[in-house]
Amino acid sequence: MKRALISVSDKTGIIDFAKELSYLGVEIISTGGTYKALKDAGISVIGISDVTHFPECLDGRVKTLHPSIHAGILAIRGNQEHMKQLSDLGIDTIDMVVVNLYPFKQTILKPCVTREEAIENIDIGGPTMIRAAAKNYQDVAVIIDPADYGKVIEELKTKNEISIDTKFYLSTKVFMHTSHYDSLIANYMKKQAGIEQFPDTLTLTYEKVQQMRYGENPHQKAAFYKEVGENKGALTNAVQLHGKELSFNNINDTNGALELLKEYDEPTIVACKHANPCGVGSADTIYEAYKKAYHSDPVSIFGGIIVANREIDKATAEEISKIFVEIILAPAFTKDALEILKQKKNIRIMTLEDIQQKQPEGALDMKKVSGGILVQDVDNALLTKEDLKVVTKRQPTEKEMEDLLFTWKIVKYTKSNGIAIGKDKQSVGVGPGQVNRIWACQQAIEHGTNHLGEDVVKGAVLASDAFFPFSDCVQECAKAGITAIIQPGGSVRDQESIDACDAAGIAMIFTNMRHFRH
């Protein structure tokens, strides 16, 4: 290890690392701000122009792009012809490259960043050097991560060399890093250029938030990654205030509850179990909303997820603390509420700013399949009263219409085949994930008994995530006393269901939009 080239944007730990290299007799070459930092620290360092015999130019855009640098990196030491050519050209080898790249990600995340500023922070020389060194890893050590400085110095001190396994590990990190870096640039440029949402090649980049203890089941390994970007209101921005580390299922279930919560503007609580809503309530206060959500299904809410779109106050916290829940997520908690909830050792308490912020236009929804990936835009659409078509003789009342729209939001986030029943801005029964619609309907009706033993289905409304293929669901609704139905329509047998509603005096409206959720 004779010569090292050091040029870093992130200067964390670089002074101590360079001092150690210098103590070990390694000659150091450097550029620009790194050169100055090392020089000011009293470290012996050679400027890049003294190696290339060519001045830095174009405001520093060209400084390391020179044969004296790249030949010194790429020469295969065991290749006699390579080494002869270096000798003939008067070029010395470079045995270590320590480089991290211009902060492109940090640049594009700044508010109001201009395209020119973003493009100026696309590194050219850095990726070229580290890729060259990574390709020639047998002979050159390449370090992009300050976390690896200690490992490299330890090997040099104890073994007088860096092992081939360590060099290969460092090389692999380079290609992972440059792939991520180039993907960030490509995705930024794609948006700037207005290129279609689904191009012929799709490159995505994510950064790890958390290594998980296990996945969906204990025998599965897992990790949690986040998209690079602002992503206001996304679960990846939540702050945990108390409780155990989140599990794979905790995150998945909370996300399901959070997506539904975003559909409501008034104070609302959503309780979720296995990513399906089990209790939803809207009211004038968050306390009353919680009471509604709880009474919707006091059995299923146990061990579930609770999300709220308003600050959790003392009275609400006292009610929540009466049962066991895995997670409670809200934009804020009063001091008294936190003190009450923190008495429960295992509950995860989380805050999320901009909790009602929906995903932006162009956001993607992805599902992994064996050997590929399904990609679609996010289902942000939701109808209003003006979009609906009444298809029965009886018009829904204003109260029924309010409950229909409330319940339509719930069924949108219920696994298909899904049925939701609602009344007075409260979920009454949910039938998720059945293989036929009549079973989902019967299940939702069966669950429509509150904890006091009262039948609350009578006078309620029902929402279906897709059309009725037969009139059997209408017949079940009639027997249960349901007064209004909202469904997409579109079945060849729609008239059958319409006639059944008319016979029972049930109002039914078509949305002409379905919300399958698989």
Protein backbone atom coordinates (compact mmCIF):
# COMPACT_ATOMS: atom_id res chain seq x y z
CA MET A 1 0.00 0.00 0.00
CA LYS A 2 2.04 2.91 -1.32
CA ARG A 3 -0.33 5.60 -2.56
CA ALA A 4 -3.89 6.62 -1.73
CA LEU A 5 -6.14 9.12 -3.48
CA ILE A 6 -8.57 10.85 -1.12
CA SER A 7 -11.38 13.13 -2.31
CA VAL A 8 -14.53 13.20 -0.19
CA SER A 9 -17.67 15.31 0.07
CA ASP A 10 -18.54 13.76 3.44
CA LYS A 11 -15.46 14.44 5.54
CA THR A 12 -16.61 12.45 8.58
CA GLY A 13 -13.55 10.76 10.09
CA ILE A 14 -11.30 11.58 7.14
CA ILE A 15 -8.67 13.51 9.10
CA ASP A 16 -8.05 10.66 11.56
CA PHE A 17 -8.09 8.11 8.75
CA ALA A 18 -5.59 10.08 6.65
CA LYS A 19 -3.31 10.53 9.67
CA GLU A 20 -3.29 6.76 10.22
CA LEU A 21 -2.43 6.18 6.55
CA SER A 22 0.33 8.76 6.76
CA TYR A 23 1.79 7.09 9.89
CA LEU A 24 1.83 3.82 7.92
CA GLY A 25 3.92 5.44 5.19
CA VAL A 26 1.14 5.80 2.61
CA GLU A 27 1.56 8.75 0.23
CA ILE A 28 -1.67 10.74 -0.06
CA ILE A 29 -3.00 12.51 -3.16
CA SER A 30 -5.96 14.80 -2.83
CA THR A 31 -8.13 17.45 -4.49
CA GLY A 32 -9.96 20.68 -3.76
CA GLY A 33 -11.62 20.98 -0.36
CA THR A 34 -10.28 17.65 0.85
CA TYR A 35 -6.71 18.71 0.01
CA LYS A 36 -7.17 21.89 2.03
CA ALA A 37 -8.71 20.06 5.00
CA LEU A 38 -5.85 17.54 5.13
CA LYS A 39 -3.21 20.23 4.67
CA ASP A 40 -4.75 22.36 7.44
CA ALA A 41 -4.64 19.29 9.71
CA GLY A 42 -0.87 19.06 9.18
CA ILE A 43 -1.01 15.95 6.99
CA SER A 44 1.50 15.60 4.16
CA VAL A 45 -0.55 15.61 0.95
CA ILE A 46 0.12 15.96 -2.78
CA GLY A 47 -2.23 18.02 -4.96
CA ILE A 48 -3.85 16.28 -7.89
CA SER A 49 -2.30 18.69 -10.38
CA ASP A 50 1.18 17.67 -9.20
CA VAL A 51 0.33 14.15 -10.31
CA THR A 52 -1.45 14.93 -13.59
CA HIS A 53 0.77 17.92 -14.43
CA PHE A 54 -2.45 19.53 -15.62
CA PRO A 55 -4.41 22.23 -13.76
CA GLU A 56 -7.91 21.70 -12.45
CA CYS A 57 -10.25 23.46 -14.85
CA LEU A 58 -13.88 24.29 -15.64
CA ASP A 59 -14.61 25.28 -12.04
CA GLY A 60 -13.29 21.93 -10.81
CA ARG A 61 -15.38 19.85 -13.23
CA VAL A 62 -12.18 18.36 -14.61
CA LYS A 63 -9.44 17.39 -12.20
CA THR A 64 -9.21 13.59 -11.80
CA LEU A 65 -10.28 12.65 -15.34
CA HIS A 66 -6.73 12.02 -16.51
CA PRO A 67 -4.65 8.99 -17.61
CA SER A 68 -2.19 9.57 -14.80
CA ILE A 69 -5.01 8.87 -12.37
CA HIS A 70 -7.04 6.20 -14.12
CA ALA A 71 -4.10 4.23 -15.48
CA GLY A 72 -2.66 4.20 -11.97
CA ILE A 73 -5.93 2.75 -10.67
CA LEU A 74 -6.79 0.31 -13.47
CA ALA A 75 -3.40 -1.27 -14.12
CA ILE A 76 -3.39 -4.98 -13.25
CA ARG A 77 -0.30 -5.43 -11.12
CA GLY A 78 0.26 -9.03 -12.24
CA ASN A 79 0.10 -8.05 -15.92
CA GLN A 80 3.67 -7.35 -17.08
CA GLU A 81 2.54 -5.43 -20.15
CA HIS A 82 0.35 -3.14 -18.00
CA MET A 83 3.22 -2.44 -15.64
CA LYS A 84 5.66 -1.84 -18.52
CA GLN A 85 3.28 0.69 -20.05
CA LEU A 86 2.99 2.52 -16.72
CA SER A 87 6.78 2.63 -16.49
CA ASP A 88 7.14 3.90 -20.05
CA LEU A 89 4.55 6.62 -19.40
CA GLY A 90 6.02 7.62 -16.05
CA ILE A 91 2.80 6.79 -14.16
CA ASP A 92 2.77 5.45 -10.61
CA THR A 93 0.11 3.06 -9.30
CA ILE A 94 -2.66 4.21 -6.96
CA ASP A 95 -3.37 1.48 -4.40
CA MET A 96 -6.29 2.99 -2.52
CA VAL A 97 -9.16 5.23 -3.60
CA VAL A 98 -11.12 6.98 -0.84
CA VAL A 99 -14.00 8.85 -2.43
CA ASN A 100 -17.60 9.68 -1.67
CA LEU A 101 -19.80 11.49 -4.10
CA TYR A 102 -21.34 14.92 -4.48
CA PRO A 103 -24.47 15.14 -2.28
CA PHE A 104 -27.04 14.79 -5.08
CA LYS A 105 -29.74 13.38 -2.80
CA GLN A 106 -29.35 16.14 -0.23
CA THR A 107 -29.45 18.70 -3.03
CA ILE A 108 -32.71 17.56 -4.61
CA LEU A 109 -34.37 17.31 -1.19
CA LYS A 110 -33.76 21.00 -0.49
CA PRO A 111 -36.82 23.24 -0.84
CA CYS A 112 -37.06 25.08 -4.16
CA VAL A 113 -33.89 23.54 -5.59
CA THR A 114 -33.39 24.51 -9.23
CA ARG A 115 -32.71 22.03 -12.01
CA GLU A 116 -29.36 23.74 -12.66
CA GLU A 117 -28.30 23.32 -9.02
CA ALA A 118 -29.34 19.67 -9.02
CA ILE A 119 -27.44 18.90 -12.23
CA GLU A 120 -24.36 20.70 -10.96
CA ASN A 121 -24.33 18.23 -8.05
CA ILE A 122 -24.12 15.20 -10.33
CA ASP A 123 -20.66 13.76 -9.70
CA ILE A 124 -18.68 12.65 -12.75
CA GLY A 125 -15.10 12.10 -11.67
CA GLY A 126 -16.02 10.43 -8.37
CA PRO A 127 -18.11 7.57 -9.82
CA THR A 128 -15.51 7.05 -12.54
CA MET A 129 -12.71 6.61 -10.02
CA ILE A 130 -14.54 4.36 -7.59
CA ARG A 131 -15.91 2.16 -10.38
CA ALA A 132 -12.41 1.83 -11.82
CA ALA A 133 -11.01 0.90 -8.41
CA ALA A 134 -13.87 -1.50 -7.74
CA LYS A 135 -13.28 -3.24 -11.06
CA ASN A 136 -9.62 -3.66 -10.17
CA TYR A 137 -10.36 -4.69 -6.58
CA GLN A 138 -7.66 -7.37 -6.49
CA ASP A 139 -5.03 -4.62 -6.56
CA VAL A 140 -6.86 -1.52 -5.33
CA ALA A 141 -8.83 -0.92 -2.16
CA VAL A 142 -11.76 1.44 -2.62
CA ILE A 143 -13.56 3.05 0.33
CA ILE A 144 -16.77 5.04 0.01
CA ASP A 145 -18.16 4.67 3.52
CA PRO A 146 -16.52 6.26 6.60
CA ALA A 147 -17.80 3.26 8.60
CA ASP A 148 -15.14 1.14 6.85
CA TYR A 149 -12.15 3.30 7.79
CA GLY A 150 -11.54 1.45 11.05
CA LYS A 151 -11.65 -2.01 9.44
CA VAL A 152 -9.14 -1.00 6.77
CA ILE A 153 -6.68 0.56 9.22
CA GLU A 154 -6.92 -2.46 11.51
CA GLU A 155 -5.98 -4.83 8.69
CA LEU A 156 -3.12 -2.62 7.53
CA LYS A 157 -1.74 -2.47 11.07
CA THR A 158 -2.10 -6.17 11.87
CA LYS A 159 -1.50 -7.77 8.46
CA ASN A 160 0.37 -5.05 6.57
CA GLU A 161 -2.19 -5.45 3.78
CA ILE A 162 -5.92 -5.43 3.09
CA SER A 163 -7.27 -8.91 2.54
CA ILE A 164 -8.79 -9.91 -0.80
CA ASP A 165 -12.10 -10.65 0.94
CA THR A 166 -12.21 -7.14 2.40
CA LYS A 167 -11.32 -5.63 -0.98
CA PHE A 168 -14.11 -7.56 -2.66
CA TYR A 169 -16.55 -6.47 0.06
CA LEU A 170 -15.51 -2.83 -0.45
CA SER A 171 -15.83 -3.24 -4.23
CA THR A 172 -19.33 -4.63 -3.91
CA LYS A 173 -20.38 -1.63 -1.83
CA VAL A 174 -19.21 0.64 -4.62
CA PHE A 175 -21.44 -0.90 -7.27
CA MET A 176 -24.39 -0.92 -4.88
CA HIS A 177 -23.75 2.75 -4.14
CA THR A 178 -23.28 3.91 -7.74
CA SER A 179 -26.41 2.00 -8.77
CA HIS A 180 -28.37 3.83 -6.08
CA TYR A 181 -26.76 7.16 -7.01
CA ASP A 182 -27.52 6.80 -10.72
CA SER A 183 -31.09 5.70 -9.97
CA LEU A 184 -31.64 8.88 -7.94
CA ILE A 185 -30.39 10.95 -10.85
CA ALA A 186 -32.42 9.01 -13.43
CA ASN A 187 -35.65 9.31 -11.44
CA TYR A 188 -35.11 13.03 -10.85
CA MET A 189 -34.40 13.63 -14.53
CA LYS A 190 -37.38 11.51 -15.58
CA LYS A 191 -39.71 13.71 -13.57
CA GLN A 192 -38.08 16.86 -14.88
CA ALA A 193 -38.43 15.65 -18.47
CA GLY A 194 -42.01 14.49 -18.02
CA ILE A 195 -41.21 10.99 -19.25
CA GLU A 196 -44.11 8.55 -19.04
CA GLN A 197 -44.92 6.98 -15.69
CA PHE A 198 -44.24 3.43 -16.88
CA PRO A 199 -41.08 3.52 -19.04
CA ASP A 200 -39.61 0.48 -20.79
CA THR A 201 -37.10 0.03 -17.98
CA LEU A 202 -37.93 0.79 -14.35
CA THR A 203 -35.21 1.48 -11.81
CA LEU A 204 -36.23 2.17 -8.22
CA THR A 205 -34.13 3.10 -5.24
CA TYR A 206 -34.86 2.75 -1.53
CA GLU A 207 -32.87 3.21 1.65
CA LYS A 208 -33.02 0.94 4.69
CA VAL A 209 -34.87 2.30 7.70
CA GLN A 210 -34.72 -0.76 9.90
CA GLN A 211 -33.44 -4.32 10.01
CA MET A 212 -36.35 -6.34 11.33
CA ARG A 213 -36.20 -9.12 13.88
CA TYR A 214 -38.15 -11.26 11.42
CA GLY A 215 -40.68 -10.96 8.62
CA GLU A 216 -44.33 -11.87 8.31
CA ASN A 217 -43.48 -15.09 10.17
CA PRO A 218 -40.60 -15.81 12.58
CA HIS A 219 -38.72 -18.00 10.10
CA GLN A 220 -38.55 -15.17 7.51
CA LYS A 221 -35.82 -12.51 7.38
CA ALA A 222 -36.94 -8.94 6.67
CA ALA A 223 -36.01 -5.26 6.51
CA PHE A 224 -37.91 -1.99 6.11
CA TYR A 225 -36.92 0.42 3.32
CA LYS A 226 -38.14 3.88 2.44
CA GLU A 227 -38.39 5.82 -0.78
CA VAL A 228 -35.98 8.70 -1.22
CA GLY A 229 -37.92 11.94 -1.15
CA GLU A 230 -39.97 14.22 1.05
CA ASN A 231 -43.04 11.90 1.24
CA LYS A 232 -45.08 14.02 3.65
CA GLY A 233 -47.53 11.99 5.71
CA ALA A 234 -45.84 8.69 4.89
CA LEU A 235 -45.36 6.09 7.60
CA THR A 236 -41.60 6.18 7.00
CA ASN A 237 -41.61 9.67 8.56
CA ALA A 238 -43.33 8.60 11.78
CA VAL A 239 -41.46 9.10 15.05
CA GLN A 240 -41.71 6.42 17.72
CA LEU A 241 -42.00 7.84 21.24
CA HIS A 242 -42.41 4.66 23.25
CA GLY A 243 -42.54 0.88 23.07
CA LYS A 244 -40.87 -2.05 21.39
CA GLU A 245 -39.35 -2.01 17.94
CA LEU A 246 -41.91 -2.22 15.15
CA SER A 247 -42.35 -5.59 13.49
CA PHE A 248 -42.98 -6.38 9.82
CA ASN A 249 -46.68 -6.95 10.49
CA ASN A 250 -46.93 -3.83 12.68
CA ILE A 251 -45.74 -1.70 9.77
CA ASN A 252 -47.96 -3.37 7.20
CA ASP A 253 -51.06 -3.15 9.41
CA THR A 254 -50.41 0.46 10.40
CA ASN A 255 -50.01 1.46 6.78
CA GLY A 256 -53.39 -0.08 5.97
CA ALA A 257 -55.03 1.92 8.74
CA LEU A 258 -53.20 5.10 7.79
CA GLU A 259 -54.30 4.96 4.14
CA LEU A 260 -57.95 4.74 5.21
CA LEU A 261 -57.55 7.50 7.79
CA LYS A 262 -56.40 9.92 5.07
CA GLU A 263 -59.85 9.75 3.45
CA TYR A 264 -61.48 11.55 6.42
CA ASP A 265 -61.33 15.25 7.25
CA GLU A 266 -63.31 15.36 10.50
CA PRO A 267 -61.95 13.85 13.76
CA THR A 268 -61.63 10.14 13.02
CA ILE A 269 -60.23 6.97 14.54
CA VAL A 270 -59.42 3.92 12.43
CA ALA A 271 -58.77 0.58 14.12
CA CYS A 272 -57.14 -2.06 11.96
CA LYS A 273 -56.33 -5.76 12.27
CA HIS A 274 -54.25 -7.62 9.69
CA ALA A 275 -54.45 -4.56 7.42
CA ASN A 276 -58.26 -4.66 7.38
CA PRO A 277 -60.39 -2.02 9.12
CA CYS A 278 -62.22 -3.43 12.13
CA GLY A 279 -63.54 -0.20 13.63
CA VAL A 280 -63.97 3.28 12.18
CA GLY A 281 -65.61 6.26 13.83
CA SER A 282 -65.94 9.94 12.97
CA ALA A 283 -67.32 12.55 15.37
CA ASP A 284 -66.96 16.13 16.59
CA THR A 285 -64.14 15.13 18.97
CA ILE A 286 -61.45 12.48 18.83
CA TYR A 287 -62.76 11.04 22.10
CA GLU A 288 -66.20 10.40 20.61
CA ALA A 289 -64.59 9.08 17.44
CA TYR A 290 -62.63 6.55 19.47
CA LYS A 291 -65.74 5.43 21.34
CA LYS A 292 -67.45 4.80 18.02
CA ALA A 293 -64.48 2.90 16.60
CA TYR A 294 -64.19 0.78 19.74
CA HIS A 295 -67.89 -0.08 19.95
CA SER A 296 -67.83 -1.07 16.27
CA ASP A 297 -65.94 -4.23 17.16
CA PRO A 298 -64.51 -4.45 20.69
CA VAL A 299 -63.30 -7.99 20.05
CA SER A 300 -61.19 -7.35 16.95
CA ILE A 301 -59.71 -4.07 18.14
CA PHE A 302 -57.91 -5.99 20.91
CA GLY A 303 -54.27 -6.33 19.83
CA GLY A 304 -54.90 -4.12 16.82
CA ILE A 305 -53.65 -0.82 15.45
CA ILE A 306 -55.24 2.57 16.23
CA VAL A 307 -54.60 5.64 14.10
CA ALA A 308 -56.07 9.10 14.70
CA ASN A 309 -56.09 12.31 12.68
CA ARG A 310 -56.24 14.58 15.72
CA GLU A 311 -54.16 14.98 18.89
CA ILE A 312 -54.85 12.29 21.48
CA ASP A 313 -56.04 13.91 24.70
CA LYS A 314 -56.20 12.60 28.27
CA ALA A 315 -59.78 11.30 28.07
CA THR A 316 -59.10 9.36 24.87
CA ALA A 317 -55.86 7.94 26.25
CA GLU A 318 -57.70 6.73 29.37
CA GLU A 319 -60.17 4.83 27.18
CA ILE A 320 -57.45 3.33 24.96
CA SER A 321 -55.45 2.23 28.00
CA LYS A 322 -58.32 -0.04 29.09
CA ILE A 323 -57.43 -2.52 26.33
CA PHE A 324 -54.29 -3.92 24.74
CA VAL A 325 -53.34 -2.43 21.38
CA GLU A 326 -50.09 -2.86 19.49
CA ILE A 327 -49.74 0.68 18.14
CA ILE A 328 -51.33 4.09 18.43
CA LEU A 329 -50.37 6.64 15.78
CA ALA A 330 -51.51 10.27 15.85
CA PRO A 331 -50.23 13.70 14.85
CA ALA A 332 -49.62 14.53 18.51
CA PHE A 333 -50.34 13.56 22.13
CA THR A 334 -51.00 15.81 25.10
CA LYS A 335 -48.56 15.46 27.98
CA ASP A 336 -51.22 13.80 30.14
CA ALA A 337 -52.13 11.37 27.35
CA LEU A 338 -48.51 10.31 26.96
CA GLU A 339 -48.10 9.73 30.67
CA ILE A 340 -51.17 7.48 30.69
CA LEU A 341 -50.23 5.48 27.60
CA LYS A 342 -46.58 5.06 28.58
CA GLN A 343 -47.66 3.10 31.62
CA LYS A 344 -48.25 0.26 29.19
CA LYS A 345 -44.79 -1.17 28.56
CA ASN A 346 -45.32 -2.74 25.15
CA ILE A 347 -47.57 -0.27 23.35
CA ARG A 348 -45.85 1.52 20.48
CA ILE A 349 -46.69 5.23 20.57
CA MET A 350 -45.95 7.11 17.36
CA THR A 351 -46.43 10.59 15.95
CA LEU A 352 -46.69 11.60 12.31
CA GLU A 353 -46.79 15.14 11.01
CA ASP A 354 -48.99 15.83 7.98
CA ILE A 355 -50.88 12.65 8.81
CA GLN A 356 -53.70 13.56 6.43
CA GLN A 357 -51.40 14.18 3.46
CA LYS A 358 -52.20 11.72 0.68
CA GLN A 359 -49.63 10.25 -1.67
CA PRO A 360 -48.68 12.65 -4.47
CA GLU A 361 -49.72 12.34 -8.08
CA GLY A 362 -47.49 9.86 -9.87
CA ALA A 363 -46.86 7.76 -6.75
CA LEU A 364 -46.61 4.05 -7.49
CA ASP A 365 -48.22 1.04 -5.88
CA MET A 366 -46.22 -2.17 -6.31
CA LYS A 367 -46.82 -5.84 -5.75
CA LYS A 368 -44.05 -8.40 -6.04
CA VAL A 369 -44.80 -11.56 -7.98
CA SER A 370 -42.48 -14.46 -8.67
CA GLY A 371 -39.96 -13.27 -11.24
CA GLY A 372 -41.42 -9.78 -11.62
CA ILE A 373 -43.29 -6.84 -10.21
CA LEU A 374 -46.73 -5.35 -10.84
CA VAL A 375 -46.78 -1.55 -10.87
CA GLN A 376 -49.76 0.79 -10.92
CA ASP A 377 -50.55 4.32 -9.87
CA VAL A 378 -52.03 4.77 -6.41
CA ASP A 379 -55.81 4.52 -6.01
CA ASN A 380 -56.35 8.10 -4.85
CA ALA A 381 -59.77 8.47 -6.49
CA LEU A 382 -62.88 8.79 -4.36
CA LEU A 383 -66.33 9.87 -5.47
CA THR A 384 -68.55 12.65 -4.18
CA LYS A 385 -72.33 12.86 -4.13
CA GLU A 386 -72.31 14.54 -7.54
CA ASP A 387 -70.66 11.49 -9.14
CA LEU A 388 -73.27 8.99 -7.95
CA LYS A 389 -76.22 7.56 -9.86
CA VAL A 390 -79.37 6.48 -8.03
CA VAL A 391 -80.73 3.41 -9.84
CA THR A 392 -83.72 2.56 -7.61
CA LYS A 393 -87.16 4.08 -7.29
CA ARG A 394 -86.37 5.28 -3.78
CA GLN A 395 -83.79 8.03 -3.38
CA PRO A 396 -81.46 7.80 -0.38
CA THR A 397 -82.15 10.31 2.36
CA GLU A 398 -79.56 12.96 3.19
CA LYS A 399 -78.61 10.95 6.28
CA GLU A 400 -78.28 7.76 4.27
CA MET A 401 -76.15 9.53 1.68
CA GLU A 402 -73.80 10.75 4.41
CA ASP A 403 -73.46 7.20 5.76
CA LEU A 404 -73.05 5.75 2.25
CA LEU A 405 -70.09 8.02 1.50
CA PHE A 406 -68.61 7.31 4.94
CA THR A 407 -68.91 3.55 4.40
CA TRP A 408 -67.66 3.69 0.80
CA LYS A 409 -64.33 4.90 2.18
CA ILE A 410 -64.14 1.92 4.52
CA VAL A 411 -64.80 -0.69 1.83
CA LYS A 412 -62.18 0.92 -0.40
CA TYR A 413 -59.55 -0.26 2.12
CA THR A 414 -61.11 -3.66 2.88
CA LYS A 415 -59.60 -6.71 1.20
CA SER A 416 -61.71 -7.96 -1.69
CA ASN A 417 -64.26 -9.46 -1.80
CA GLY A 418 -65.16 -6.77 0.71
CA ILE A 419 -68.37 -5.53 2.29
CA ALA A 420 -68.69 -2.73 4.86
CA ILE A 421 -71.75 -1.66 6.81
CA GLY A 422 -71.99 1.77 8.43
CA LYS A 423 -74.37 3.92 10.40
CA ASP A 424 -74.10 7.35 12.05
CA LYS A 425 -70.47 7.75 10.88
CA GLN A 426 -69.52 4.48 12.53
CA SER A 427 -68.57 1.15 11.02
CA VAL A 428 -71.08 -1.52 12.00
CA GLY A 429 -69.72 -4.64 10.36
CA VAL A 430 -66.92 -5.52 7.95
CA GLY A 431 -66.64 -8.63 5.79
CA PRO A 432 -63.14 -8.74 4.28
CA GLY A 433 -61.31 -11.06 1.93
CA GLN A 434 -63.97 -13.64 1.13
CA VAL A 435 -63.92 -15.77 -2.02
CA ASN A 436 -67.48 -14.81 -2.86
CA ARG A 437 -69.50 -11.69 -2.20
CA ILE A 438 -72.44 -13.30 -0.42
CA TRP A 439 -70.13 -14.69 2.27
CA ALA A 440 -68.59 -11.24 2.77
CA CYS A 441 -72.10 -9.78 3.02
CA GLN A 442 -73.28 -12.38 5.52
CA GLN A 443 -70.12 -11.96 7.60
CA ALA A 444 -70.50 -8.18 7.77
CA ILE A 445 -74.15 -8.50 8.81
CA GLU A 446 -73.31 -11.14 11.41
CA HIS A 447 -70.74 -8.81 12.98
CA GLY A 448 -73.25 -5.98 13.19
CA THR A 449 -74.02 -6.41 16.87
CA ASN A 450 -72.32 -4.03 19.26
CA HIS A 451 -70.79 -4.96 22.61
CA LEU A 452 -74.09 -4.22 24.35
CA GLY A 453 -75.77 -6.93 22.33
CA GLU A 454 -77.78 -4.45 20.27
CA ASP A 455 -78.52 -5.16 16.61
CA VAL A 456 -77.18 -2.03 14.91
CA VAL A 457 -77.45 -3.28 11.33
CA LYS A 458 -81.09 -2.31 11.09
CA GLY A 459 -81.27 1.14 9.52
CA ALA A 460 -77.61 0.98 8.44
CA VAL A 461 -76.17 1.22 4.92
CA LEU A 462 -73.93 -1.20 3.03
CA ALA A 463 -71.00 -0.69 0.65
CA SER A 464 -69.55 -3.29 -1.72
CA ASP A 465 -66.14 -2.91 -3.35
CA ALA A 466 -67.41 -4.46 -6.62
CA PHE A 467 -70.73 -5.17 -8.30
CA PHE A 468 -73.27 -7.76 -7.16
CA PRO A 469 -73.23 -10.71 -9.58
CA PHE A 470 -76.58 -11.86 -8.16
CA SER A 471 -79.40 -10.40 -6.10
CA ASP A 472 -78.55 -12.61 -3.09
CA CYS A 473 -76.69 -9.82 -1.30
CA VAL A 474 -79.70 -7.52 -1.66
CA GLN A 475 -81.93 -10.19 -0.20
CA GLU A 476 -79.60 -10.54 2.80
CA CYS A 477 -79.67 -6.76 3.23
CA ALA A 478 -83.45 -6.74 3.18
CA LYS A 479 -83.65 -9.42 5.87
CA ALA A 480 -81.17 -7.46 8.05
CA GLY A 481 -83.01 -4.15 7.73
CA ILE A 482 -80.33 -2.34 5.71
CA THR A 483 -81.92 0.68 4.02
CA ALA A 484 -79.39 1.77 1.37
CA ILE A 485 -76.60 0.25 -0.73
CA ILE A 486 -73.63 1.71 -2.60
CA GLN A 487 -71.85 -0.42 -5.18
CA PRO A 488 -70.04 0.07 -8.50
CA GLY A 489 -72.64 -1.56 -10.75
CA GLY A 490 -71.64 -3.06 -14.07
CA SER A 491 -72.94 -6.61 -13.74
CA VAL A 492 -74.95 -8.13 -16.58
CA ARG A 493 -77.50 -8.88 -13.85
CA ASP A 494 -77.65 -5.39 -12.36
CA GLN A 495 -81.38 -5.18 -13.05
CA GLU A 496 -81.97 -8.22 -10.84
CA SER A 497 -80.39 -6.39 -7.90
CA ILE A 498 -82.22 -3.16 -8.72
CA ASP A 499 -85.57 -4.98 -8.80
CA ALA A 500 -84.79 -6.69 -5.48
CA CYS A 501 -84.02 -3.31 -3.93
CA ASP A 502 -87.21 -1.81 -5.27
CA ALA A 503 -89.22 -4.71 -3.87
CA ALA A 504 -87.64 -4.22 -0.44
CA GLY A 505 -87.76 -0.41 -0.46
CA ILE A 506 -83.96 -0.17 -0.39
CA ALA A 507 -82.21 2.78 -2.07
CA MET A 508 -79.23 1.83 -4.22
CA ILE A 509 -76.64 3.96 -5.96
CA PHE A 510 -73.99 3.06 -8.51
CA THR A 511 -70.52 4.60 -8.42
CA ASN A 512 -69.27 3.23 -11.76
CA MET A 513 -65.93 2.82 -9.98
CA ARG A 514 -64.70 -0.19 -8.08
CA HIS A 515 -62.01 -0.49 -5.42
CA PHE A 516 -60.54 -3.99 -5.53
CA ARG A 517 -57.85 -4.47 -2.89
CA HIS A 518 -55.83 -7.66 -3.02
